[in-house]
Amino acid sequence: MSQGLTFCWSNQQDKAVDLFLDMLKEDTGTVEAHLTLGNLFRSRGEVDRAIRIHQTLMESASLTYEQRLLAVQQLGARLYGRRFI
């Protein structure tokens, strides 16, 4: 996770996206990786991909109330950005 954040901070978003996608292939339960990847997609203008990431996360039965609330909040921000709501 920290290497992915380092890529984000050093403006190497492609490397960060690849790393977070690999992380999710290994462990689909990583909430932080989902949220960060969704934010990366949004910042690159890939709002549809960001929305799919947040929707996938929200379908996880293992989320705590706080994690689910954060996922819903970020999904709402993506939808609002697309003027769907």
Protein backbone atom coordinates (compact mmCIF):
# COMPACT_ATOMS: atom_id res chain seq x y z
CA MET A 1 0.00 0.00 0.00
CA SER A 2 2.75 2.46 0.92
CA GLN A 3 4.53 1.95 -2.40
CA GLY A 4 1.29 2.76 -4.23
CA LEU A 5 0.89 5.95 -2.24
CA THR A 6 4.49 6.87 -3.02
CA PHE A 7 3.70 6.49 -6.72
CA CYS A 8 0.65 8.74 -6.25
CA TRP A 9 2.64 11.43 -4.48
CA SER A 10 5.43 11.34 -7.08
CA ASN A 11 2.92 11.80 -9.93
CA GLN A 12 3.35 8.25 -11.25
CA GLN A 13 -0.34 7.45 -11.42
CA ASP A 14 -0.03 4.68 -14.00
CA LYS A 15 2.33 2.75 -11.73
CA ALA A 16 0.05 3.39 -8.76
CA VAL A 17 -3.02 2.11 -10.64
CA ASP A 18 -1.16 -1.04 -11.72
CA LEU A 19 0.02 -1.68 -8.16
CA PHE A 20 -3.43 -1.20 -6.61
CA LEU A 21 -5.05 -3.41 -9.27
CA ASP A 22 -2.51 -6.13 -8.44
CA MET A 23 -3.26 -5.70 -4.73
CA LEU A 24 -6.98 -6.19 -5.37
CA LYS A 25 -6.32 -9.35 -7.37
CA GLU A 26 -4.52 -10.80 -4.34
CA ASP A 27 -6.86 -9.51 -1.63
CA THR A 28 -10.28 -8.21 -2.65
CA GLY A 29 -11.03 -7.16 0.93
CA THR A 30 -8.59 -4.26 1.03
CA VAL A 31 -10.88 -1.29 1.62
CA GLU A 32 -8.13 1.32 1.46
CA ALA A 33 -6.88 -0.01 -1.88
CA HIS A 34 -10.41 0.15 -3.33
CA LEU A 35 -10.92 3.72 -2.17
CA THR A 36 -7.51 4.88 -3.34
CA LEU A 37 -7.92 3.21 -6.73
CA GLY A 38 -11.34 4.81 -7.13
CA ASN A 39 -9.84 8.20 -6.35
CA LEU A 40 -7.01 7.61 -8.83
CA PHE A 41 -9.46 6.71 -11.58
CA ARG A 42 -11.51 9.82 -10.83
CA SER A 43 -8.46 12.07 -10.88
CA ARG A 44 -7.53 10.64 -14.29
CA GLY A 45 -11.01 11.41 -15.60
CA GLU A 46 -12.07 7.74 -15.56
CA VAL A 47 -15.19 8.37 -13.53
CA ASP A 48 -17.01 5.26 -14.79
CA ARG A 49 -14.17 3.06 -13.56
CA ALA A 50 -14.13 4.91 -10.24
CA ILE A 51 -17.86 4.30 -9.84
CA ARG A 52 -17.44 0.58 -10.58
CA ILE A 53 -14.67 0.29 -7.98
CA HIS A 54 -16.84 1.92 -5.31
CA GLN A 55 -19.86 -0.19 -6.25
CA THR A 56 -17.79 -3.37 -6.02
CA LEU A 57 -16.53 -2.31 -2.62
CA MET A 58 -20.05 -1.61 -1.35
CA GLU A 59 -21.13 -5.13 -2.32
CA SER A 60 -18.64 -6.58 0.16
CA ALA A 61 -20.40 -8.14 3.13
CA SER A 62 -17.35 -7.70 5.35
CA LEU A 63 -17.42 -3.90 5.53
CA THR A 64 -17.88 -2.17 8.84
CA TYR A 65 -20.54 0.52 9.10
CA GLU A 66 -17.87 3.23 8.84
CA GLN A 67 -16.25 1.65 5.77
CA ARG A 68 -19.60 1.26 4.04
CA LEU A 69 -20.46 4.88 4.85
CA LEU A 70 -17.16 6.07 3.37
CA ALA A 71 -17.71 3.99 0.21
CA VAL A 72 -21.24 5.39 -0.17
CA GLN A 73 -19.95 8.93 0.38
CA GLN A 74 -17.25 8.57 -2.26
CA LEU A 75 -19.64 6.88 -4.70
CA GLY A 76 -22.08 9.74 -4.19
CA ALA A 77 -19.33 12.23 -4.95
CA ARG A 78 -18.53 10.37 -8.19
CA LEU A 79 -22.18 10.26 -9.23
CA TYR A 80 -22.64 13.92 -8.36
CA GLY A 81 -19.55 14.73 -10.43
CA ARG A 82 -21.21 12.99 -13.38
CA ARG A 83 -24.48 14.83 -12.59
CA PHE A 84 -26.37 11.56 -12.13
CA ILE A 85 -27.85 12.94 -8.91
